[in-house]
Amino acid sequence: MKCNLCGPACLSAVGLLAVAGMFAMGQPAKDSKPAAPAHPAAPAGQPEMKLPPGWTAEDMQACMAAGMPGEQHKELAKGVGTWSGKNTMWMAPGAEPTTSNCTSTVTMIMDGRYNKCEMKGEIPGMGEFHGEGIVGYDNVSHKYVGTWYDSMSTGIMNGTGERSKDGKVMTWSYKFNCPLTKKEATMRQVETLTGANTMKLEMYMADPKTGKEYKNMVIELTRK
């Protein structure tokens, strides 16, 4: 993620990209493929869609299935609500931690296809922070996918997530552009379900000075 801040302050802004409340709560759904109608009906009042040259009915069914929300999307919807968070942040390895609060509002958009999180908070010494993230499940790649953008950067982070078999842990890998190394870097985020309405987010990234991964932030979240 391209950031307008320099040095350790940039790392703290990256750390606050937490996609809070996007965790797919509940037991894991089977990696099932959404079923598409055998013959998609045209909306009322609209002419029937004709297949492009060379296309088969199966081709159209594959496209329809790719766009239909399934069990994984229902799991994402279980994160909907307003969450209050307590943040602990380390600007560099071995640095004294700083603490702050945040609020995360999670909704489902696009007829249940995507989970949207809007986070508001404050970075100590730098002022108010506002970020938004979108998470979904790609029926074609069979992976959870996400993006993040915020008020302290000019780039958009993109990542993929993997869910544990018991459904309690989601691990994300996000890519961003480090302003110090001028190279692409990775931020690892681990979301752990600790209760029906509580969860913990832990973020790890490489220190640009040493290249070693360290814990950048922990956010304890409670749904109101």
C-alpha atoms as a PDB file:
ATOM      1  CA  MET A   1       0.000   0.000   0.000  1.00  0.00           C
ATOM      2  CA  LYS A   2       1.389   3.383  -0.925  1.00  0.00           C
ATOM      3  CA  CYS A   3       1.365   5.597   2.136  1.00  0.00           C
ATOM      4  CA  ASN A   4       1.825   9.344   2.514  1.00  0.00           C
ATOM      5  CA  LEU A   5       3.503   8.877   5.899  1.00  0.00           C
ATOM      6  CA  CYS A   6       7.172   8.120   6.433  1.00  0.00           C
ATOM      7  CA  GLY A   7       9.082   5.783   8.734  1.00  0.00           C
ATOM      8  CA  PRO A   8       7.434   4.003  11.683  1.00  0.00           C
ATOM      9  CA  ALA A   9       4.332   6.176  11.405  1.00  0.00           C
ATOM     10  CA  CYS A  10       3.616   4.541   8.080  1.00  0.00           C
ATOM     11  CA  LEU A  11       3.789   1.098   9.669  1.00  0.00           C
ATOM     12  CA  SER A  12       1.178   2.047  12.217  1.00  0.00           C
ATOM     13  CA  ALA A  13      -1.176   3.234   9.508  1.00  0.00           C
ATOM     14  CA  VAL A  14      -0.726  -0.035   7.660  1.00  0.00           C
ATOM     15  CA  GLY A  15      -1.390  -1.918  10.867  1.00  0.00           C
ATOM     16  CA  LEU A  16      -4.736  -0.184  11.266  1.00  0.00           C
ATOM     17  CA  LEU A  17      -6.011  -1.715   8.056  1.00  0.00           C
ATOM     18  CA  ALA A  18      -7.668  -4.420  10.162  1.00  0.00           C
ATOM     19  CA  VAL A  19     -10.667  -5.771   8.353  1.00  0.00           C
ATOM     20  CA  ALA A  20     -12.495  -5.836  11.654  1.00  0.00           C
ATOM     21  CA  GLY A  21     -15.643  -7.898  11.884  1.00  0.00           C
ATOM     22  CA  MET A  22     -15.210  -9.493   8.469  1.00  0.00           C
ATOM     23  CA  PHE A  23     -14.537 -12.873  10.031  1.00  0.00           C
ATOM     24  CA  ALA A  24     -16.868 -15.603   8.797  1.00  0.00           C
ATOM     25  CA  MET A  25     -18.321 -16.688  12.113  1.00  0.00           C
ATOM     26  CA  GLY A  26     -19.738 -20.110  12.802  1.00  0.00           C
ATOM     27  CA  GLN A  27     -18.756 -23.541  11.561  1.00  0.00           C
ATOM     28  CA  PRO A  28     -16.973 -23.785   8.211  1.00  0.00           C
ATOM     29  CA  ALA A  29     -19.108 -24.362   5.174  1.00  0.00           C
ATOM     30  CA  LYS A  30     -18.270 -27.071   2.719  1.00  0.00           C
ATOM     31  CA  ASP A  31     -16.456 -25.901  -0.376  1.00  0.00           C
ATOM     32  CA  SER A  32     -19.564 -26.320  -2.446  1.00  0.00           C
ATOM     33  CA  LYS A  33     -20.278 -24.766  -5.798  1.00  0.00           C
ATOM     34  CA  PRO A  34     -23.455 -22.650  -6.006  1.00  0.00           C
ATOM     35  CA  ALA A  35     -25.973 -24.182  -8.352  1.00  0.00           C
ATOM     36  CA  ALA A  36     -27.013 -22.160 -11.356  1.00  0.00           C
ATOM     37  CA  PRO A  37     -30.410 -22.525 -12.999  1.00  0.00           C
ATOM     38  CA  ALA A  38     -30.349 -24.851 -15.987  1.00  0.00           C
ATOM     39  CA  HIS A  39     -31.976 -22.205 -18.144  1.00  0.00           C
ATOM     40  CA  PRO A  40     -31.539 -18.688 -16.693  1.00  0.00           C
ATOM     41  CA  ALA A  41     -34.772 -16.783 -17.044  1.00  0.00           C
ATOM     42  CA  ALA A  42     -34.703 -13.229 -18.347  1.00  0.00           C
ATOM     43  CA  PRO A  43     -35.963 -10.514 -15.959  1.00  0.00           C
ATOM     44  CA  ALA A  44     -39.606  -9.573 -16.413  1.00  0.00           C
ATOM     45  CA  GLY A  45     -40.074  -7.339 -19.401  1.00  0.00           C
ATOM     46  CA  GLN A  46     -36.603  -8.045 -20.779  1.00  0.00           C
ATOM     47  CA  PRO A  47     -35.844  -9.997 -23.955  1.00  0.00           C
ATOM     48  CA  GLU A  48     -34.260 -13.423 -23.536  1.00  0.00           C
ATOM     49  CA  MET A  49     -30.483 -13.318 -23.620  1.00  0.00           C
ATOM     50  CA  LYS A  50     -28.954 -15.028 -26.618  1.00  0.00           C
ATOM     51  CA  LEU A  51     -25.772 -17.030 -26.231  1.00  0.00           C
ATOM     52  CA  PRO A  52     -22.643 -15.516 -27.826  1.00  0.00           C
ATOM     53  CA  PRO A  53     -21.331 -17.358 -30.890  1.00  0.00           C
ATOM     54  CA  GLY A  54     -19.622 -20.594 -29.896  1.00  0.00           C
ATOM     55  CA  TRP A  55     -21.061 -20.623 -26.368  1.00  0.00           C
ATOM     56  CA  THR A  56     -22.975 -23.572 -24.954  1.00  0.00           C
ATOM     57  CA  ALA A  57     -25.671 -23.656 -22.293  1.00  0.00           C
ATOM     58  CA  GLU A  58     -23.047 -25.125 -19.935  1.00  0.00           C
ATOM     59  CA  ASP A  59     -20.828 -22.082 -20.520  1.00  0.00           C
ATOM     60  CA  MET A  60     -23.642 -19.781 -19.463  1.00  0.00           C
ATOM     61  CA  GLN A  61     -24.395 -21.946 -16.433  1.00  0.00           C
ATOM     62  CA  ALA A  62     -20.750 -21.676 -15.340  1.00  0.00           C
ATOM     63  CA  CYS A  63     -20.962 -17.892 -15.517  1.00  0.00           C
ATOM     64  CA  MET A  64     -24.193 -17.851 -13.560  1.00  0.00           C
ATOM     65  CA  ALA A  65     -22.758 -20.123 -10.866  1.00  0.00           C
ATOM     66  CA  ALA A  66     -19.692 -17.883 -10.529  1.00  0.00           C
ATOM     67  CA  GLY A  67     -21.907 -14.943  -9.606  1.00  0.00           C
ATOM     68  CA  MET A  68     -24.303 -16.603  -7.183  1.00  0.00           C
ATOM     69  CA  PRO A  69     -23.732 -16.244  -3.402  1.00  0.00           C
ATOM     70  CA  GLY A  70     -23.374 -19.546  -1.570  1.00  0.00           C
ATOM     71  CA  GLU A  71     -22.693 -20.988   1.871  1.00  0.00           C
ATOM     72  CA  GLN A  72     -19.398 -19.119   2.306  1.00  0.00           C
ATOM     73  CA  HIS A  73     -21.199 -15.824   1.749  1.00  0.00           C
ATOM     74  CA  LYS A  74     -23.766 -16.761   4.384  1.00  0.00           C
ATOM     75  CA  GLU A  75     -20.907 -17.339   6.801  1.00  0.00           C
ATOM     76  CA  LEU A  76     -19.479 -13.902   6.013  1.00  0.00           C
ATOM     77  CA  ALA A  77     -22.877 -12.398   6.825  1.00  0.00           C
ATOM     78  CA  LYS A  78     -22.549 -13.664  10.403  1.00  0.00           C
ATOM     79  CA  GLY A  79     -19.996 -10.902  11.017  1.00  0.00           C
ATOM     80  CA  VAL A  80     -22.580  -8.148  10.454  1.00  0.00           C
ATOM     81  CA  GLY A  81     -22.937  -5.639  13.281  1.00  0.00           C
ATOM     82  CA  THR A  82     -21.149  -2.861  15.113  1.00  0.00           C
ATOM     83  CA  TRP A  83     -17.925  -3.809  16.865  1.00  0.00           C
ATOM     84  CA  SER A  84     -15.923  -1.814  19.398  1.00  0.00           C
ATOM     85  CA  GLY A  85     -12.191  -2.419  19.438  1.00  0.00           C
ATOM     86  CA  LYS A  86      -9.248  -1.878  21.769  1.00  0.00           C
ATOM     87  CA  ASN A  87      -5.992  -1.456  19.842  1.00  0.00           C
ATOM     88  CA  THR A  88      -2.446  -2.136  20.964  1.00  0.00           C
ATOM     89  CA  MET A  89       0.178  -1.073  18.425  1.00  0.00           C
ATOM     90  CA  TRP A  90       3.966  -1.391  18.131  1.00  0.00           C
ATOM     91  CA  MET A  91       5.560   1.028  15.674  1.00  0.00           C
ATOM     92  CA  ALA A  92       8.780  -1.006  15.535  1.00  0.00           C
ATOM     93  CA  PRO A  93      10.185  -4.199  17.067  1.00  0.00           C
ATOM     94  CA  GLY A  94      10.893  -3.642  20.758  1.00  0.00           C
ATOM     95  CA  ALA A  95       9.102  -0.265  20.848  1.00  0.00           C
ATOM     96  CA  GLU A  96       6.775   0.693  23.666  1.00  0.00           C
ATOM     97  CA  PRO A  97       3.163  -0.080  22.681  1.00  0.00           C
ATOM     98  CA  THR A  98       0.510   2.595  22.217  1.00  0.00           C
ATOM     99  CA  THR A  99      -3.200   2.038  22.798  1.00  0.00           C
ATOM    100  CA  SER A 100      -6.367   3.467  21.265  1.00  0.00           C
ATOM    101  CA  ASN A 101      -9.990   2.609  20.478  1.00  0.00           C
ATOM    102  CA  CYS A 102     -11.872   2.021  17.241  1.00  0.00           C
ATOM    103  CA  THR A 103     -15.350   1.218  15.956  1.00  0.00           C
ATOM    104  CA  SER A 104     -16.064  -1.131  13.076  1.00  0.00           C
ATOM    105  CA  THR A 105     -19.410  -1.274  11.277  1.00  0.00           C
ATOM    106  CA  VAL A 106     -19.960  -4.372   9.132  1.00  0.00           C
ATOM    107  CA  THR A 107     -22.713  -4.768   6.531  1.00  0.00           C
ATOM    108  CA  MET A 108     -23.442  -7.062   3.593  1.00  0.00           C
ATOM    109  CA  ILE A 109     -23.668  -5.450   0.147  1.00  0.00           C
ATOM    110  CA  MET A 110     -24.474  -6.458  -3.428  1.00  0.00           C
ATOM    111  CA  ASP A 111     -27.330  -8.738  -2.396  1.00  0.00           C
ATOM    112  CA  GLY A 112     -25.228 -10.722   0.058  1.00  0.00           C
ATOM    113  CA  ARG A 113     -22.190 -11.190  -2.158  1.00  0.00           C
ATOM    114  CA  TYR A 114     -19.721  -9.046  -0.226  1.00  0.00           C
ATOM    115  CA  ASN A 115     -18.993  -8.071   3.362  1.00  0.00           C
ATOM    116  CA  LYS A 116     -18.155  -4.385   3.851  1.00  0.00           C
ATOM    117  CA  CYS A 117     -16.350  -3.033   6.904  1.00  0.00           C
ATOM    118  CA  GLU A 118     -16.046   0.657   7.776  1.00  0.00           C
ATOM    119  CA  MET A 119     -13.580   1.390  10.567  1.00  0.00           C
ATOM    120  CA  LYS A 120     -13.122   4.644  12.451  1.00  0.00           C
ATOM    121  CA  GLY A 121     -10.525   5.300  15.103  1.00  0.00           C
ATOM    122  CA  GLU A 122      -7.448   7.285  15.993  1.00  0.00           C
ATOM    123  CA  ILE A 123      -3.719   6.740  15.653  1.00  0.00           C
ATOM    124  CA  PRO A 124      -2.021   8.191  18.749  1.00  0.00           C
ATOM    125  CA  GLY A 125      -0.086  11.310  17.817  1.00  0.00           C
ATOM    126  CA  MET A 126      -1.428  11.371  14.254  1.00  0.00           C
ATOM    127  CA  GLY A 127      -5.164  11.974  14.580  1.00  0.00           C
ATOM    128  CA  GLU A 128      -8.344  10.416  13.239  1.00  0.00           C
ATOM    129  CA  PHE A 129      -8.304   7.363  11.015  1.00  0.00           C
ATOM    130  CA  HIS A 130     -10.976   6.132   8.600  1.00  0.00           C
ATOM    131  CA  GLY A 131     -10.729   2.965   6.524  1.00  0.00           C
ATOM    132  CA  GLU A 132     -12.958   0.692   4.478  1.00  0.00           C
ATOM    133  CA  GLY A 133     -12.577  -2.905   3.372  1.00  0.00           C
ATOM    134  CA  ILE A 134     -14.466  -5.349   1.170  1.00  0.00           C
ATOM    135  CA  VAL A 135     -14.319  -9.124   1.650  1.00  0.00           C
ATOM    136  CA  GLY A 136     -15.894 -11.839  -0.461  1.00  0.00           C
ATOM    137  CA  TYR A 137     -15.591 -15.455  -1.496  1.00  0.00           C
ATOM    138  CA  ASP A 138     -14.574 -16.045  -5.104  1.00  0.00           C
ATOM    139  CA  ASN A 139     -16.555 -19.000  -6.426  1.00  0.00           C
ATOM    140  CA  VAL A 140     -14.089 -19.467  -9.265  1.00  0.00           C
ATOM    141  CA  SER A 141     -10.807 -19.530  -7.312  1.00  0.00           C
ATOM    142  CA  HIS A 142     -12.488 -20.984  -4.197  1.00  0.00           C
ATOM    143  CA  LYS A 143     -10.676 -18.407  -2.048  1.00  0.00           C
ATOM    144  CA  TYR A 144     -11.668 -15.606   0.279  1.00  0.00           C
ATOM    145  CA  VAL A 145     -10.592 -12.288  -1.250  1.00  0.00           C
ATOM    146  CA  GLY A 146     -10.338  -8.799   0.193  1.00  0.00           C
ATOM    147  CA  THR A 147      -9.318  -5.189  -0.422  1.00  0.00           C
ATOM    148  CA  TRP A 148      -8.541  -2.306   1.908  1.00  0.00           C
ATOM    149  CA  TYR A 149      -8.136   1.477   1.540  1.00  0.00           C
ATOM    150  CA  ASP A 150      -7.970   4.233   4.156  1.00  0.00           C
ATOM    151  CA  SER A 151      -7.483   7.911   4.924  1.00  0.00           C
ATOM    152  CA  MET A 152      -3.729   7.616   5.493  1.00  0.00           C
ATOM    153  CA  SER A 153      -2.692   6.030   2.229  1.00  0.00           C
ATOM    154  CA  THR A 154      -3.098   6.381  -1.525  1.00  0.00           C
ATOM    155  CA  GLY A 155      -2.915   2.701  -2.455  1.00  0.00           C
ATOM    156  CA  ILE A 156      -5.362  -0.173  -2.305  1.00  0.00           C
ATOM    157  CA  MET A 157      -4.279  -3.370  -0.582  1.00  0.00           C
ATOM    158  CA  ASN A 158      -5.362  -6.723  -1.991  1.00  0.00           C
ATOM    159  CA  GLY A 159      -5.249 -10.079  -0.267  1.00  0.00           C
ATOM    160  CA  THR A 160      -6.508 -13.618   0.029  1.00  0.00           C
ATOM    161  CA  GLY A 161      -7.641 -15.492   3.120  1.00  0.00           C
ATOM    162  CA  GLU A 162      -7.703 -19.083   4.332  1.00  0.00           C
ATOM    163  CA  ARG A 163     -10.072 -20.407   6.949  1.00  0.00           C
ATOM    164  CA  SER A 164      -9.228 -23.104   9.491  1.00  0.00           C
ATOM    165  CA  LYS A 165     -11.149 -26.375   9.442  1.00  0.00           C
ATOM    166  CA  ASP A 166     -12.891 -25.567  12.716  1.00  0.00           C
ATOM    167  CA  GLY A 167     -13.983 -22.167  11.403  1.00  0.00           C
ATOM    168  CA  LYS A 168     -12.399 -20.239  14.276  1.00  0.00           C
ATOM    169  CA  VAL A 169      -9.357 -18.753  12.559  1.00  0.00           C
ATOM    170  CA  MET A 170      -9.012 -16.798   9.322  1.00  0.00           C
ATOM    171  CA  THR A 171      -5.501 -16.003   8.080  1.00  0.00           C
ATOM    172  CA  TRP A 172      -5.042 -13.237   5.519  1.00  0.00           C
ATOM    173  CA  SER A 173      -2.090 -12.243   3.370  1.00  0.00           C
ATOM    174  CA  TYR A 174      -2.215  -8.678   2.036  1.00  0.00           C
ATOM    175  CA  LYS A 175       0.192  -7.016  -0.404  1.00  0.00           C
ATOM    176  CA  PHE A 176       1.220  -3.367  -0.218  1.00  0.00           C
ATOM    177  CA  ASN A 177       4.055  -1.142  -1.417  1.00  0.00           C
ATOM    178  CA  CYS A 178       6.471  -0.218   1.371  1.00  0.00           C
ATOM    179  CA  PRO A 179       7.418   3.506   1.195  1.00  0.00           C
ATOM    180  CA  LEU A 180      10.846   2.809   2.742  1.00  0.00           C
ATOM    181  CA  THR A 181      12.049  -0.106   0.628  1.00  0.00           C
ATOM    182  CA  LYS A 182      10.003   0.960  -2.425  1.00  0.00           C
ATOM    183  CA  LYS A 183       9.154  -2.720  -2.879  1.00  0.00           C
ATOM    184  CA  GLU A 184       6.073  -4.865  -2.488  1.00  0.00           C
ATOM    185  CA  ALA A 185       5.643  -6.148   1.055  1.00  0.00           C
ATOM    186  CA  THR A 186       3.275  -8.527   2.822  1.00  0.00           C
ATOM    187  CA  MET A 187       1.079  -7.952   5.852  1.00  0.00           C
ATOM    188  CA  ARG A 188      -0.203 -11.101   7.594  1.00  0.00           C
ATOM    189  CA  GLN A 189      -3.436 -10.822   9.558  1.00  0.00           C
ATOM    190  CA  VAL A 190      -4.813 -13.552  11.829  1.00  0.00           C
ATOM    191  CA  GLU A 191      -8.438 -13.289  12.955  1.00  0.00           C
ATOM    192  CA  THR A 192      -9.419 -15.562  15.840  1.00  0.00           C
ATOM    193  CA  LEU A 193     -12.986 -16.104  17.017  1.00  0.00           C
ATOM    194  CA  THR A 194     -12.865 -16.017  20.818  1.00  0.00           C
ATOM    195  CA  GLY A 195     -16.616 -16.069  21.495  1.00  0.00           C
ATOM    196  CA  ALA A 196     -20.025 -15.576  19.905  1.00  0.00           C
ATOM    197  CA  ASN A 197     -19.512 -11.809  19.895  1.00  0.00           C
ATOM    198  CA  THR A 198     -15.777 -11.416  20.476  1.00  0.00           C
ATOM    199  CA  MET A 199     -12.726 -11.812  18.274  1.00  0.00           C
ATOM    200  CA  LYS A 200      -9.045 -10.931  18.161  1.00  0.00           C
ATOM    201  CA  LEU A 201      -7.085  -9.548  15.230  1.00  0.00           C
ATOM    202  CA  GLU A 202      -3.292  -9.881  15.147  1.00  0.00           C
ATOM    203  CA  MET A 203      -1.221  -8.212  12.437  1.00  0.00           C
ATOM    204  CA  TYR A 204       2.340  -9.058  11.465  1.00  0.00           C
ATOM    205  CA  MET A 205       4.666  -7.368   9.007  1.00  0.00           C
ATOM    206  CA  ALA A 206       8.355  -7.203   8.165  1.00  0.00           C
ATOM    207  CA  ASP A 207      10.416  -4.484   9.787  1.00  0.00           C
ATOM    208  CA  PRO A 208      11.760  -2.516   6.764  1.00  0.00           C
ATOM    209  CA  LYS A 209      15.074  -2.003   8.549  1.00  0.00           C
ATOM    210  CA  THR A 210      15.809  -5.659   9.335  1.00  0.00           C
ATOM    211  CA  GLY A 211      13.405  -7.608   7.128  1.00  0.00           C
ATOM    212  CA  LYS A 212      12.265  -9.661  10.130  1.00  0.00           C
ATOM    213  CA  GLU A 213       8.573 -10.163  10.796  1.00  0.00           C
ATOM    214  CA  TYR A 214       7.154  -8.726  14.019  1.00  0.00           C
ATOM    215  CA  LYS A 215       3.730  -8.210  15.563  1.00  0.00           C
ATOM    216  CA  ASN A 216       2.559  -4.740  14.607  1.00  0.00           C
ATOM    217  CA  MET A 217      -0.899  -4.631  16.168  1.00  0.00           C
ATOM    218  CA  VAL A 218      -3.505  -6.480  18.217  1.00  0.00           C
ATOM    219  CA  ILE A 219      -7.179  -5.486  18.218  1.00  0.00           C
ATOM    220  CA  GLU A 220      -9.645  -6.992  20.703  1.00  0.00           C
ATOM    221  CA  LEU A 221     -13.168  -6.653  19.280  1.00  0.00           C
ATOM    222  CA  THR A 222     -16.584  -6.966  20.917  1.00  0.00           C
ATOM    223  CA  ARG A 223     -19.873  -6.804  19.038  1.00  0.00           C
ATOM    224  CA  LYS A 224     -22.323  -4.355  20.560  1.00  0.00           C
END
